[in-house]
Amino acid sequence: MTREKLSKDAIAAALAELDGWSLAADGASIKRSFVFKNFSEAFAFMTRVALAAEKMDHHPDWSNVYKTVDVTLNTHDAGGVTALDIELAKRMNRYFH
């Protein structure tokens, strides 16, 4: 998977297929909030994502407050959104459902 910055059109096309994700205000990252039944489910989700992110060598910028996990994805080296971010977002959506 490449770490090449995606075009605005490519990002828009990817977001059209990513339920719940949107372009962040900075235009250089994508974001989503995941809301769970409770803290335990939120933490289990974060643990599962952390293992996948480590294997991908691509880590989210995220925070957790009780049952909500807020996520922002971008590839720092590329200065924007790459295919890695889209793939991690897809995995997060699969783990959430």
PDB file of N, CA and C in Angstrom:
ATOM      1  N   MET A   1       0.850  -1.171   0.000  1.00  0.00           N
ATOM      2  CA  MET A   1       0.000   0.000   0.000  1.00  0.00           C
ATOM      3  C   MET A   1       0.899   1.239   0.000  1.00  0.00           C
ATOM      4  N   THR A   2       0.546   2.199  -0.831  1.00  0.00           N
ATOM      5  CA  THR A   2       1.421   3.359  -0.984  1.00  0.00           C
ATOM      6  C   THR A   2       1.154   4.431   0.062  1.00  0.00           C
ATOM      7  N   ARG A   3       2.173   5.215   0.281  1.00  0.00           N
ATOM      8  CA  ARG A   3       2.067   6.358   1.187  1.00  0.00           C
ATOM      9  C   ARG A   3       2.061   7.649   0.379  1.00  0.00           C
ATOM     10  N   GLU A   4       1.514   7.562  -0.836  1.00  0.00           N
ATOM     11  CA  GLU A   4       1.418   8.727  -1.703  1.00  0.00           C
ATOM     12  C   GLU A   4       0.096   9.443  -1.433  1.00  0.00           C
ATOM     13  N   LYS A   5       0.164  10.742  -1.288  1.00  0.00           N
ATOM     14  CA  LYS A   5      -1.017  11.552  -0.994  1.00  0.00           C
ATOM     15  C   LYS A   5      -2.053  11.405  -2.108  1.00  0.00           C
ATOM     16  N   LEU A   6      -3.302  11.161  -1.718  1.00  0.00           N
ATOM     17  CA  LEU A   6      -4.392  11.022  -2.680  1.00  0.00           C
ATOM     18  C   LEU A   6      -4.897  12.391  -3.130  1.00  0.00           C
ATOM     19  N   SER A   7      -5.429  12.436  -4.338  1.00  0.00           N
ATOM     20  CA  SER A   7      -6.036  13.667  -4.848  1.00  0.00           C
ATOM     21  C   SER A   7      -7.359  13.914  -4.130  1.00  0.00           C
ATOM     22  N   LYS A   8      -7.856  15.137  -4.215  1.00  0.00           N
ATOM     23  CA  LYS A   8      -9.145  15.464  -3.592  1.00  0.00           C
ATOM     24  C   LYS A   8     -10.258  14.606  -4.177  1.00  0.00           C
ATOM     25  N   ASP A   9     -10.197  14.354  -5.488  1.00  0.00           N
ATOM     26  CA  ASP A   9     -11.214  13.517  -6.130  1.00  0.00           C
ATOM     27  C   ASP A   9     -11.152  12.082  -5.624  1.00  0.00           C
ATOM     28  N   ALA A  10      -9.951  11.553  -5.457  1.00  0.00           N
ATOM     29  CA  ALA A  10      -9.793  10.182  -4.956  1.00  0.00           C
ATOM     30  C   ALA A  10     -10.293  10.073  -3.517  1.00  0.00           C
ATOM     31  N   ILE A  11     -10.021  11.087  -2.716  1.00  0.00           N
ATOM     32  CA  ILE A  11     -10.503  11.091  -1.328  1.00  0.00           C
ATOM     33  C   ILE A  11     -12.028  11.138  -1.313  1.00  0.00           C
ATOM     34  N   ALA A  12     -12.610  12.008  -2.133  1.00  0.00           N
ATOM     35  CA  ALA A  12     -14.072  12.130  -2.191  1.00  0.00           C
ATOM     36  C   ALA A  12     -14.709  10.812  -2.620  1.00  0.00           C
ATOM     37  N   ALA A  13     -14.113  10.135  -3.601  1.00  0.00           N
ATOM     38  CA  ALA A  13     -14.641   8.848  -4.062  1.00  0.00           C
ATOM     39  C   ALA A  13     -14.563   7.803  -2.952  1.00  0.00           C
ATOM     40  N   ALA A  14     -13.467   7.782  -2.225  1.00  0.00           N
ATOM     41  CA  ALA A  14     -13.309   6.826  -1.126  1.00  0.00           C
ATOM     42  C   ALA A  14     -14.303   7.119  -0.009  1.00  0.00           C
ATOM     43  N   LEU A  15     -14.476   8.389   0.323  1.00  0.00           N
ATOM     44  CA  LEU A  15     -15.398   8.760   1.399  1.00  0.00           C
ATOM     45  C   LEU A  15     -16.840   8.405   1.050  1.00  0.00           C
ATOM     46  N   ALA A  16     -17.176   8.441  -0.229  1.00  0.00           N
ATOM     47  CA  ALA A  16     -18.529   8.092  -0.661  1.00  0.00           C
ATOM     48  C   ALA A  16     -18.856   6.638  -0.324  1.00  0.00           C
ATOM     49  N   GLU A  17     -17.825   5.816  -0.170  1.00  0.00           N
ATOM     50  CA  GLU A  17     -18.011   4.401   0.137  1.00  0.00           C
ATOM     51  C   GLU A  17     -17.684   4.060   1.591  1.00  0.00           C
ATOM     52  N   LEU A  18     -17.339   5.063   2.386  1.00  0.00           N
ATOM     53  CA  LEU A  18     -16.970   4.845   3.787  1.00  0.00           C
ATOM     54  C   LEU A  18     -18.036   5.445   4.704  1.00  0.00           C
ATOM     55  N   ASP A  19     -18.915   4.607   5.180  1.00  0.00           N
ATOM     56  CA  ASP A  19     -19.999   5.050   6.044  1.00  0.00           C
ATOM     57  C   ASP A  19     -19.469   5.773   7.277  1.00  0.00           C
ATOM     58  N   GLY A  20     -19.955   6.992   7.498  1.00  0.00           N
ATOM     59  CA  GLY A  20     -19.638   7.737   8.710  1.00  0.00           C
ATOM     60  C   GLY A  20     -18.394   8.595   8.655  1.00  0.00           C
ATOM     61  N   TRP A  21     -17.552   8.426   7.643  1.00  0.00           N
ATOM     62  CA  TRP A  21     -16.302   9.181   7.544  1.00  0.00           C
ATOM     63  C   TRP A  21     -16.517  10.462   6.754  1.00  0.00           C
ATOM     64  N   SER A  22     -15.754  11.495   7.110  1.00  0.00           N
ATOM     65  CA  SER A  22     -15.816  12.766   6.385  1.00  0.00           C
ATOM     66  C   SER A  22     -14.429  13.397   6.344  1.00  0.00           C
ATOM     67  N   LEU A  23     -14.293  14.357   5.462  1.00  0.00           N
ATOM     68  CA  LEU A  23     -13.044  15.100   5.366  1.00  0.00           C
ATOM     69  C   LEU A  23     -12.988  16.077   6.531  1.00  0.00           C
ATOM     70  N   ALA A  24     -11.885  16.104   7.232  1.00  0.00           N
ATOM     71  CA  ALA A  24     -11.713  17.022   8.363  1.00  0.00           C
ATOM     72  C   ALA A  24     -11.583  18.450   7.854  1.00  0.00           C
ATOM     73  N   ALA A  25     -11.780  19.396   8.730  1.00  0.00           N
ATOM     74  CA  ALA A  25     -11.724  20.817   8.374  1.00  0.00           C
ATOM     75  C   ALA A  25     -10.385  21.213   7.766  1.00  0.00           C
ATOM     76  N   ASP A  26      -9.320  20.525   8.167  1.00  0.00           N
ATOM     77  CA  ASP A  26      -7.997  20.864   7.630  1.00  0.00           C
ATOM     78  C   ASP A  26      -7.807  20.405   6.186  1.00  0.00           C
ATOM     79  N   GLY A  27      -8.709  19.564   5.683  1.00  0.00           N
ATOM     80  CA  GLY A  27      -8.623  19.065   4.316  1.00  0.00           C
ATOM     81  C   GLY A  27      -7.512  18.059   4.098  1.00  0.00           C
ATOM     82  N   ALA A  28      -6.766  17.752   5.154  1.00  0.00           N
ATOM     83  CA  ALA A  28      -5.615  16.858   5.033  1.00  0.00           C
ATOM     84  C   ALA A  28      -5.795  15.569   5.822  1.00  0.00           C
ATOM     85  N   SER A  29      -7.008  15.332   6.325  1.00  0.00           N
ATOM     86  CA  SER A  29      -7.268  14.128   7.099  1.00  0.00           C
ATOM     87  C   SER A  29      -8.747  13.770   6.999  1.00  0.00           C
ATOM     88  N   ILE A  30      -9.058  12.529   7.387  1.00  0.00           N
ATOM     89  CA  ILE A  30     -10.449  12.089   7.440  1.00  0.00           C
ATOM     90  C   ILE A  30     -10.780  11.761   8.888  1.00  0.00           C
ATOM     91  N   LYS A  31     -12.074  11.850   9.226  1.00  0.00           N
ATOM     92  CA  LYS A  31     -12.442  11.674  10.632  1.00  0.00           C
ATOM     93  C   LYS A  31     -13.765  10.938  10.772  1.00  0.00           C
ATOM     94  N   ARG A  32     -13.945  10.349  11.938  1.00  0.00           N
ATOM     95  CA  ARG A  32     -15.195   9.681  12.283  1.00  0.00           C
ATOM     96  C   ARG A  32     -15.267   9.503  13.789  1.00  0.00           C
ATOM     97  N   SER A  33     -16.489   9.502  14.300  1.00  0.00           N
ATOM     98  CA  SER A  33     -16.757   9.156  15.698  1.00  0.00           C
ATOM     99  C   SER A  33     -17.497   7.827  15.727  1.00  0.00           C
ATOM    100  N   PHE A  34     -17.065   6.943  16.601  1.00  0.00           N
ATOM    101  CA  PHE A  34     -17.720   5.652  16.806  1.00  0.00           C
ATOM    102  C   PHE A  34     -18.332   5.670  18.202  1.00  0.00           C
ATOM    103  N   VAL A  35     -19.618   5.357  18.298  1.00  0.00           N
ATOM    104  CA  VAL A  35     -20.301   5.349  19.591  1.00  0.00           C
ATOM    105  C   VAL A  35     -20.740   3.916  19.903  1.00  0.00           C
ATOM    106  N   PHE A  36     -20.362   3.446  21.080  1.00  0.00           N
ATOM    107  CA  PHE A  36     -20.622   2.075  21.505  1.00  0.00           C
ATOM    108  C   PHE A  36     -21.640   2.056  22.641  1.00  0.00           C
ATOM    109  N   LYS A  37     -22.021   0.863  23.066  1.00  0.00           N
ATOM    110  CA  LYS A  37     -22.970   0.723  24.172  1.00  0.00           C
ATOM    111  C   LYS A  37     -22.365   1.142  25.499  1.00  0.00           C
ATOM    112  N   ASN A  38     -21.048   0.914  25.634  1.00  0.00           N
ATOM    113  CA  ASN A  38     -20.397   1.206  26.907  1.00  0.00           C
ATOM    114  C   ASN A  38     -18.884   1.314  26.702  1.00  0.00           C
ATOM    115  N   PHE A  39     -18.188   1.614  27.772  1.00  0.00           N
ATOM    116  CA  PHE A  39     -16.736   1.770  27.717  1.00  0.00           C
ATOM    117  C   PHE A  39     -16.035   0.478  27.307  1.00  0.00           C
ATOM    118  N   SER A  40     -16.499  -0.647  27.822  1.00  0.00           N
ATOM    119  CA  SER A  40     -15.849  -1.926  27.514  1.00  0.00           C
ATOM    120  C   SER A  40     -15.855  -2.215  26.021  1.00  0.00           C
ATOM    121  N   GLU A  41     -16.973  -1.948  25.354  1.00  0.00           N
ATOM    122  CA  GLU A  41     -17.041  -2.162  23.907  1.00  0.00           C
ATOM    123  C   GLU A  41     -16.127  -1.186  23.170  1.00  0.00           C
ATOM    124  N   ALA A  42     -16.083   0.051  23.623  1.00  0.00           N
ATOM    125  CA  ALA A  42     -15.202   1.044  22.997  1.00  0.00           C
ATOM    126  C   ALA A  42     -13.745   0.622  23.138  1.00  0.00           C
ATOM    127  N   PHE A  43     -13.384   0.169  24.321  1.00  0.00           N
ATOM    128  CA  PHE A  43     -11.999  -0.237  24.560  1.00  0.00           C
ATOM    129  C   PHE A  43     -11.640  -1.494  23.770  1.00  0.00           C
ATOM    130  N   ALA A  44     -12.568  -2.426  23.656  1.00  0.00           N
ATOM    131  CA  ALA A  44     -12.326  -3.638  22.864  1.00  0.00           C
ATOM    132  C   ALA A  44     -12.094  -3.274  21.396  1.00  0.00           C
ATOM    133  N   PHE A  45     -12.872  -2.336  20.888  1.00  0.00           N
ATOM    134  CA  PHE A  45     -12.695  -1.847  19.515  1.00  0.00           C
ATOM    135  C   PHE A  45     -11.306  -1.241  19.346  1.00  0.00           C
ATOM    136  N   MET A  46     -10.909  -0.401  20.280  1.00  0.00           N
ATOM    137  CA  MET A  46      -9.596   0.238  20.187  1.00  0.00           C
ATOM    138  C   MET A  46      -8.473  -0.802  20.227  1.00  0.00           C
ATOM    139  N   THR A  47      -8.637  -1.823  21.034  1.00  0.00           N
ATOM    140  CA  THR A  47      -7.625  -2.875  21.111  1.00  0.00           C
ATOM    141  C   THR A  47      -7.507  -3.605  19.781  1.00  0.00           C
ATOM    142  N   ARG A  48      -8.633  -3.941  19.198  1.00  0.00           N
ATOM    143  CA  ARG A  48      -8.624  -4.638  17.906  1.00  0.00           C
ATOM    144  C   ARG A  48      -8.000  -3.768  16.819  1.00  0.00           C
ATOM    145  N   VAL A  49      -8.378  -2.495  16.788  1.00  0.00           N
ATOM    146  CA  VAL A  49      -7.807  -1.575  15.796  1.00  0.00           C
ATOM    147  C   VAL A  49      -6.309  -1.402  16.027  1.00  0.00           C
ATOM    148  N   ALA A  50      -5.898  -1.303  17.287  1.00  0.00           N
ATOM    149  CA  ALA A  50      -4.476  -1.116  17.594  1.00  0.00           C
ATOM    150  C   ALA A  50      -3.632  -2.262  17.043  1.00  0.00           C
ATOM    151  N   LEU A  51      -4.123  -3.478  17.151  1.00  0.00           N
ATOM    152  CA  LEU A  51      -3.385  -4.630  16.625  1.00  0.00           C
ATOM    153  C   LEU A  51      -3.270  -4.563  15.104  1.00  0.00           C
ATOM    154  N   ALA A  52      -4.361  -4.198  14.436  1.00  0.00           N
ATOM    155  CA  ALA A  52      -4.333  -4.067  12.972  1.00  0.00           C
ATOM    156  C   ALA A  52      -3.426  -2.921  12.553  1.00  0.00           C
ATOM    157  N   ALA A  53      -3.513  -1.797  13.255  1.00  0.00           N
ATOM    158  CA  ALA A  53      -2.695  -0.625  12.923  1.00  0.00           C
ATOM    159  C   ALA A  53      -1.212  -0.934  13.080  1.00  0.00           C
ATOM    160  N   GLU A  54      -0.876  -1.686  14.093  1.00  0.00           N
ATOM    161  CA  GLU A  54       0.525  -2.050  14.310  1.00  0.00           C
ATOM    162  C   GLU A  54       1.037  -2.917  13.164  1.00  0.00           C
ATOM    163  N   LYS A  55       0.218  -3.861  12.712  1.00  0.00           N
ATOM    164  CA  LYS A  55       0.606  -4.706  11.579  1.00  0.00           C
ATOM    165  C   LYS A  55       0.772  -3.886  10.303  1.00  0.00           C
ATOM    166  N   MET A  56      -0.067  -2.849  10.158  1.00  0.00           N
ATOM    167  CA  MET A  56       0.008  -1.984   8.977  1.00  0.00           C
ATOM    168  C   MET A  56       1.134  -0.957   9.099  1.00  0.00           C
ATOM    169  N   ASP A  57       1.678  -0.807  10.304  1.00  0.00           N
ATOM    170  CA  ASP A  57       2.634   0.257  10.613  1.00  0.00           C
ATOM    171  C   ASP A  57       2.035   1.619  10.269  1.00  0.00           C
ATOM    172  N   HIS A  58       0.771   1.777  10.673  1.00  0.00           N
ATOM    173  CA  HIS A  58       0.044   3.021  10.412  1.00  0.00           C
ATOM    174  C   HIS A  58      -0.915   3.237  11.576  1.00  0.00           C
ATOM    175  N   HIS A  59      -0.742   4.315  12.305  1.00  0.00           N
ATOM    176  CA  HIS A  59      -1.426   4.477  13.584  1.00  0.00           C
ATOM    177  C   HIS A  59      -2.387   5.663  13.576  1.00  0.00           C
ATOM    178  N   PRO A  60      -3.572   5.474  14.142  1.00  0.00           N
ATOM    179  CA  PRO A  60      -4.571   6.543  14.157  1.00  0.00           C
ATOM    180  C   PRO A  60      -4.273   7.609  15.212  1.00  0.00           C
ATOM    181  N   ASP A  61      -4.818   8.775  14.971  1.00  0.00           N
ATOM    182  CA  ASP A  61      -4.872   9.828  15.985  1.00  0.00           C
ATOM    183  C   ASP A  61      -6.279   9.699  16.559  1.00  0.00           C
ATOM    184  N   TRP A  62      -6.379   9.288  17.807  1.00  0.00           N
ATOM    185  CA  TRP A  62      -7.706   9.021  18.351  1.00  0.00           C
ATOM    186  C   TRP A  62      -7.786   9.350  19.826  1.00  0.00           C
ATOM    187  N   SER A  63      -9.039   9.444  20.283  1.00  0.00           N
ATOM    188  CA  SER A  63      -9.284   9.668  21.702  1.00  0.00           C
ATOM    189  C   SER A  63     -10.539   8.899  22.092  1.00  0.00           C
ATOM    190  N   ASN A  64     -10.632   8.596  23.372  1.00  0.00           N
ATOM    191  CA  ASN A  64     -11.764   7.857  23.900  1.00  0.00           C
ATOM    192  C   ASN A  64     -12.295   8.569  25.130  1.00  0.00           C
ATOM    193  N   VAL A  65     -13.585   8.842  25.117  1.00  0.00           N
ATOM    194  CA  VAL A  65     -14.281   9.346  26.295  1.00  0.00           C
ATOM    195  C   VAL A  65     -15.491   8.445  26.493  1.00  0.00           C
ATOM    196  N   TYR A  66     -15.471   7.703  27.563  1.00  0.00           N
ATOM    197  CA  TYR A  66     -16.494   6.732  27.933  1.00  0.00           C
ATOM    198  C   TYR A  66     -16.804   5.795  26.770  1.00  0.00           C
ATOM    199  N   LYS A  67     -17.923   5.974  26.080  1.00  0.00           N
ATOM    200  CA  LYS A  67     -18.317   5.028  25.031  1.00  0.00           C
ATOM    201  C   LYS A  67     -18.095   5.556  23.618  1.00  0.00           C
ATOM    202  N   THR A  68     -17.387   6.668  23.489  1.00  0.00           N
ATOM    203  CA  THR A  68     -17.140   7.279  22.181  1.00  0.00           C
ATOM    204  C   THR A  68     -15.653   7.261  21.849  1.00  0.00           C
ATOM    205  N   VAL A  69     -15.350   6.856  20.621  1.00  0.00           N
ATOM    206  CA  VAL A  69     -13.982   6.876  20.108  1.00  0.00           C
ATOM    207  C   VAL A  69     -13.970   7.818  18.907  1.00  0.00           C
ATOM    208  N   ASP A  70     -13.225   8.909  19.017  1.00  0.00           N
ATOM    209  CA  ASP A  70     -13.066   9.868  17.924  1.00  0.00           C
ATOM    210  C   ASP A  70     -11.749   9.581  17.227  1.00  0.00           C
ATOM    211  N   VAL A  71     -11.805   9.472  15.892  1.00  0.00           N
ATOM    212  CA  VAL A  71     -10.636   9.085  15.110  1.00  0.00           C
ATOM    213  C   VAL A  71     -10.365  10.105  14.012  1.00  0.00           C
ATOM    214  N   THR A  72      -9.096  10.433  13.839  1.00  0.00           N
ATOM    215  CA  THR A  72      -8.632  11.228  12.704  1.00  0.00           C
ATOM    216  C   THR A  72      -7.494  10.454  12.062  1.00  0.00           C
ATOM    217  N   LEU A  73      -7.567  10.319  10.740  1.00  0.00           N
ATOM    218  CA  LEU A  73      -6.532   9.592  10.008  1.00  0.00           C
ATOM    219  C   LEU A  73      -5.884  10.476   8.954  1.00  0.00           C
ATOM    220  N   ASN A  74      -4.580  10.447   8.914  1.00  0.00           N
ATOM    221  CA  ASN A  74      -3.801  11.001   7.810  1.00  0.00           C
ATOM    222  C   ASN A  74      -2.422  10.363   7.864  1.00  0.00           C
ATOM    223  N   THR A  75      -1.679  10.559   6.802  1.00  0.00           N
ATOM    224  CA  THR A  75      -0.323  10.018   6.743  1.00  0.00           C
ATOM    225  C   THR A  75       0.631  11.188   6.848  1.00  0.00           C
ATOM    226  N   HIS A  76       1.266  11.335   7.993  1.00  0.00           N
ATOM    227  CA  HIS A  76       2.108  12.498   8.270  1.00  0.00           C
ATOM    228  C   HIS A  76       3.195  12.681   7.225  1.00  0.00           C
ATOM    229  N   ASP A  77       3.858  11.583   6.842  1.00  0.00           N
ATOM    230  CA  ASP A  77       4.951  11.671   5.867  1.00  0.00           C
ATOM    231  C   ASP A  77       4.490  12.226   4.522  1.00  0.00           C
ATOM    232  N   ALA A  78       3.238  11.932   4.149  1.00  0.00           N
ATOM    233  CA  ALA A  78       2.707  12.377   2.857  1.00  0.00           C
ATOM    234  C   ALA A  78       2.043  13.748   2.956  1.00  0.00           C
ATOM    235  N   GLY A  79       1.758  14.179   4.167  1.00  0.00           N
ATOM    236  CA  GLY A  79       1.092  15.464   4.348  1.00  0.00           C
ATOM    237  C   GLY A  79      -0.372  15.449   3.955  1.00  0.00           C
ATOM    238  N   GLY A  80      -1.005  14.289   4.079  1.00  0.00           N
ATOM    239  CA  GLY A  80      -2.423  14.197   3.732  1.00  0.00           C
ATOM    240  C   GLY A  80      -2.925  12.771   3.816  1.00  0.00           C
ATOM    241  N   VAL A  81      -4.035  12.528   3.130  1.00  0.00           N
ATOM    242  CA  VAL A  81      -4.690  11.225   3.148  1.00  0.00           C
ATOM    243  C   VAL A  81      -4.077  10.328   2.068  1.00  0.00           C
ATOM    244  N   THR A  82      -3.778   9.089   2.456  1.00  0.00           N
ATOM    245  CA  THR A  82      -3.230   8.106   1.517  1.00  0.00           C
ATOM    246  C   THR A  82      -4.105   6.852   1.521  1.00  0.00           C
ATOM    247  N   ALA A  83      -3.740   5.900   0.669  1.00  0.00           N
ATOM    248  CA  ALA A  83      -4.452   4.625   0.616  1.00  0.00           C
ATOM    249  C   ALA A  83      -4.398   3.903   1.961  1.00  0.00           C
ATOM    250  N   LEU A  84      -3.342   4.106   2.729  1.00  0.00           N
ATOM    251  CA  LEU A  84      -3.252   3.502   4.066  1.00  0.00           C
ATOM    252  C   LEU A  84      -4.374   3.996   4.974  1.00  0.00           C
ATOM    253  N   ASP A  85      -4.668   5.279   4.893  1.00  0.00           N
ATOM    254  CA  ASP A  85      -5.744   5.838   5.719  1.00  0.00           C
ATOM    255  C   ASP A  85      -7.091   5.251   5.324  1.00  0.00           C
ATOM    256  N   ILE A  86      -7.310   5.135   4.019  1.00  0.00           N
ATOM    257  CA  ILE A  86      -8.572   4.573   3.533  1.00  0.00           C
ATOM    258  C   ILE A  86      -8.703   3.119   3.982  1.00  0.00           C
ATOM    259  N   GLU A  87      -7.633   2.352   3.879  1.00  0.00           N
ATOM    260  CA  GLU A  87      -7.669   0.947   4.296  1.00  0.00           C
ATOM    261  C   GLU A  87      -7.921   0.824   5.799  1.00  0.00           C
ATOM    262  N   LEU A  88      -7.276   1.646   6.605  1.00  0.00           N
ATOM    263  CA  LEU A  88      -7.501   1.586   8.048  1.00  0.00           C
ATOM    264  C   LEU A  88      -8.931   2.003   8.384  1.00  0.00           C
ATOM    265  N   ALA A  89      -9.462   2.994   7.696  1.00  0.00           N
ATOM    266  CA  ALA A  89     -10.856   3.406   7.908  1.00  0.00           C
ATOM    267  C   ALA A  89     -11.812   2.264   7.566  1.00  0.00           C
ATOM    268  N   LYS A  90     -11.553   1.554   6.476  1.00  0.00           N
ATOM    269  CA  LYS A  90     -12.391   0.406   6.100  1.00  0.00           C
ATOM    270  C   LYS A  90     -12.351  -0.667   7.184  1.00  0.00           C
ATOM    271  N   ARG A  91     -11.162  -0.941   7.696  1.00  0.00           N
ATOM    272  CA  ARG A  91     -11.037  -1.950   8.758  1.00  0.00           C
ATOM    273  C   ARG A  91     -11.792  -1.514  10.005  1.00  0.00           C
ATOM    274  N   MET A  92     -11.670  -0.250  10.364  1.00  0.00           N
ATOM    275  CA  MET A  92     -12.389   0.243  11.539  1.00  0.00           C
ATOM    276  C   MET A  92     -13.892   0.070  11.355  1.00  0.00           C
ATOM    277  N   ASN A  93     -14.393   0.386  10.175  1.00  0.00           N
ATOM    278  CA  ASN A  93     -15.822   0.213   9.926  1.00  0.00           C
ATOM    279  C   ASN A  93     -16.226  -1.254  10.050  1.00  0.00           C
ATOM    280  N   ARG A  94     -15.410  -2.155   9.528  1.00  0.00           N
ATOM    281  CA  ARG A  94     -15.719  -3.594   9.647  1.00  0.00           C
ATOM    282  C   ARG A  94     -15.730  -4.023  11.111  1.00  0.00           C
ATOM    283  N   TYR A  95     -14.764  -3.564  11.885  1.00  0.00           N
ATOM    284  CA  TYR A  95     -14.693  -3.933  13.298  1.00  0.00           C
ATOM    285  C   TYR A  95     -15.869  -3.346  14.088  1.00  0.00           C
ATOM    286  N   PHE A  96     -16.379  -2.224  13.644  1.00  0.00           N
ATOM    287  CA  PHE A  96     -17.487  -1.567  14.330  1.00  0.00           C
ATOM    288  C   PHE A  96     -18.806  -2.305  14.091  1.00  0.00           C
ATOM    289  N   HIS A  97     -18.958  -2.887  12.920  1.00  0.00           N
ATOM    290  CA  HIS A  97     -20.244  -3.527  12.566  1.00  0.00           C
ATOM    291  C   HIS A  97     -20.318  -4.963  12.966  1.00  0.00           C
TER     292      HIS A  97
END
